[in-house]
Protein backbone atom coordinates (compact mmCIF):
# COMPACT_ATOMS: atom_id res chain seq x y z
CA MET A 1 -57.76 11.28 -52.98
CA LEU A 2 -56.12 7.70 -53.53
CA VAL A 3 -52.04 7.96 -52.96
CA ARG A 4 -50.53 5.43 -55.96
CA ALA A 5 -46.86 4.28 -55.76
CA ASP A 6 -46.27 6.35 -59.32
CA ASP A 7 -46.78 9.74 -56.97
CA LEU A 8 -43.48 9.47 -56.43
CA ASP A 9 -41.50 8.58 -59.63
CA PRO A 10 -38.91 11.33 -60.69
CA LEU A 11 -41.52 13.28 -63.29
CA ALA A 12 -44.07 13.67 -60.53
CA ALA A 13 -41.59 14.76 -57.95
CA LEU A 14 -40.76 17.71 -60.72
CA ARG A 15 -43.94 18.67 -61.02
CA VAL A 16 -44.44 19.19 -57.60
CA LEU A 17 -41.89 21.11 -57.12
CA GLY A 18 -43.63 22.71 -60.05
CA ALA A 19 -46.18 23.86 -58.13
CA THR A 20 -44.23 24.80 -54.83
CA ASP A 21 -43.21 27.19 -57.02
CA ARG A 22 -45.97 28.25 -58.70
CA LEU A 23 -47.77 28.22 -55.11
CA ASP A 24 -44.54 30.55 -53.58
CA ARG A 25 -44.45 33.05 -56.76
CA GLY A 26 -46.48 36.26 -55.65
CA ASP A 27 -45.80 37.58 -58.92
CA ASP A 28 -47.86 35.11 -60.83
CA PRO A 29 -51.83 35.47 -60.32
CA LEU A 30 -52.75 31.61 -60.54
CA PRO A 31 -55.96 31.04 -63.13
CA ALA A 32 -59.02 30.69 -60.87
CA GLY A 33 -59.19 26.99 -59.53
CA GLU A 34 -55.48 26.60 -59.75
CA ARG A 35 -54.80 27.76 -56.20
CA GLU A 36 -56.99 24.81 -54.38
CA ARG A 37 -55.50 22.37 -57.28
CA LEU A 38 -52.05 22.64 -56.59
CA PRO A 39 -52.01 22.29 -52.91
CA GLU A 40 -53.96 19.18 -52.93
CA ARG A 41 -51.28 17.91 -55.32
CA VAL A 42 -48.57 18.75 -53.17
CA ARG A 43 -50.66 16.91 -50.11
CA VAL A 44 -50.63 14.02 -52.35
CA PHE A 45 -46.87 13.61 -53.00
CA GLU A 46 -46.68 14.05 -49.27
CA ARG A 47 -48.96 11.53 -47.97
CA ALA A 48 -47.02 9.04 -50.66
CA ALA A 49 -43.94 10.23 -49.87
CA ARG A 50 -44.16 9.72 -45.75
CA GLN A 51 -46.01 6.37 -47.02
CA ARG A 52 -42.90 4.99 -49.12
CA VAL A 53 -40.76 6.06 -45.72
CA ALA A 54 -42.41 3.87 -43.84
CA ASP A 55 -42.98 0.82 -46.22
CA LEU A 56 -38.67 1.46 -46.34
CA ARG A 57 -38.76 1.64 -42.29
CA THR A 58 -40.39 -1.90 -42.64
CA GLN A 59 -38.21 -3.00 -45.36
CA LEU A 60 -35.17 -2.49 -43.01
CA ALA A 61 -36.55 -3.62 -40.04
CA ARG A 62 -37.02 -6.95 -41.69
CA ALA A 63 -33.66 -6.95 -43.07
CA GLU A 64 -32.03 -6.37 -40.21
CA GLU A 65 -33.73 -9.31 -37.99
CA PHE A 66 -32.59 -11.55 -40.97
CA ALA A 67 -29.25 -10.77 -40.96
CA ALA A 68 -29.46 -10.98 -36.86
CA THR A 69 -31.44 -14.14 -37.89
CA LEU A 70 -28.39 -15.11 -39.86
CA ALA A 71 -25.81 -13.90 -36.98
CA ASP A 72 -27.57 -16.28 -34.59
CA ARG A 73 -27.53 -19.12 -37.03
CA LEU A 74 -23.50 -19.10 -37.38
CA GLY A 75 -23.18 -18.83 -33.76
CA GLY A 76 -19.95 -18.80 -32.71
CA ALA A 77 -18.64 -20.32 -36.31
CA THR A 78 -17.62 -16.49 -37.05
CA ALA A 79 -16.44 -15.60 -33.63
CA GLY A 80 -13.35 -12.89 -33.66
CA GLN A 81 -14.31 -12.40 -37.35
CA GLY A 82 -16.53 -9.82 -36.64
CA GLN A 83 -13.64 -6.33 -36.40
CA ASP A 84 -14.81 -6.25 -40.02
CA ALA A 85 -18.31 -6.30 -39.98
CA PRO A 86 -20.17 -2.27 -40.51
CA PRO A 87 -21.64 -1.09 -37.31
CA GLU A 88 -25.25 -1.51 -36.64
CA ALA A 89 -27.42 1.70 -38.02
CA PRO A 90 -29.35 3.19 -35.46
CA VAL A 91 -33.41 2.69 -35.95
CA PRO A 92 -35.08 6.29 -36.70
CA THR A 93 -38.00 7.08 -34.97
CA PRO A 94 -41.09 7.71 -36.58
CA PRO A 95 -41.90 11.29 -36.82
CA ALA A 96 -44.86 11.92 -34.78
């Protein structure tokens, strides 16, 4: 199944949470076929979320590289002024 950007919209997130709630509830029997469709809906959202995380990591890496390039270009012009600069955030490692 194709994962689209709109798979991560807030309304879709609510639908996925509803789907997981329905799957977790044992006292509410699901109609025929729905038990098979609900896990797939959750899987699609999970794949879209993982892709979005990967895209954001790439975007962050590019932004950090750009910031480093700007700092290098400034060179000694800002020497001694770095005390107020925020510390660099650690780069998270992607899940296996």
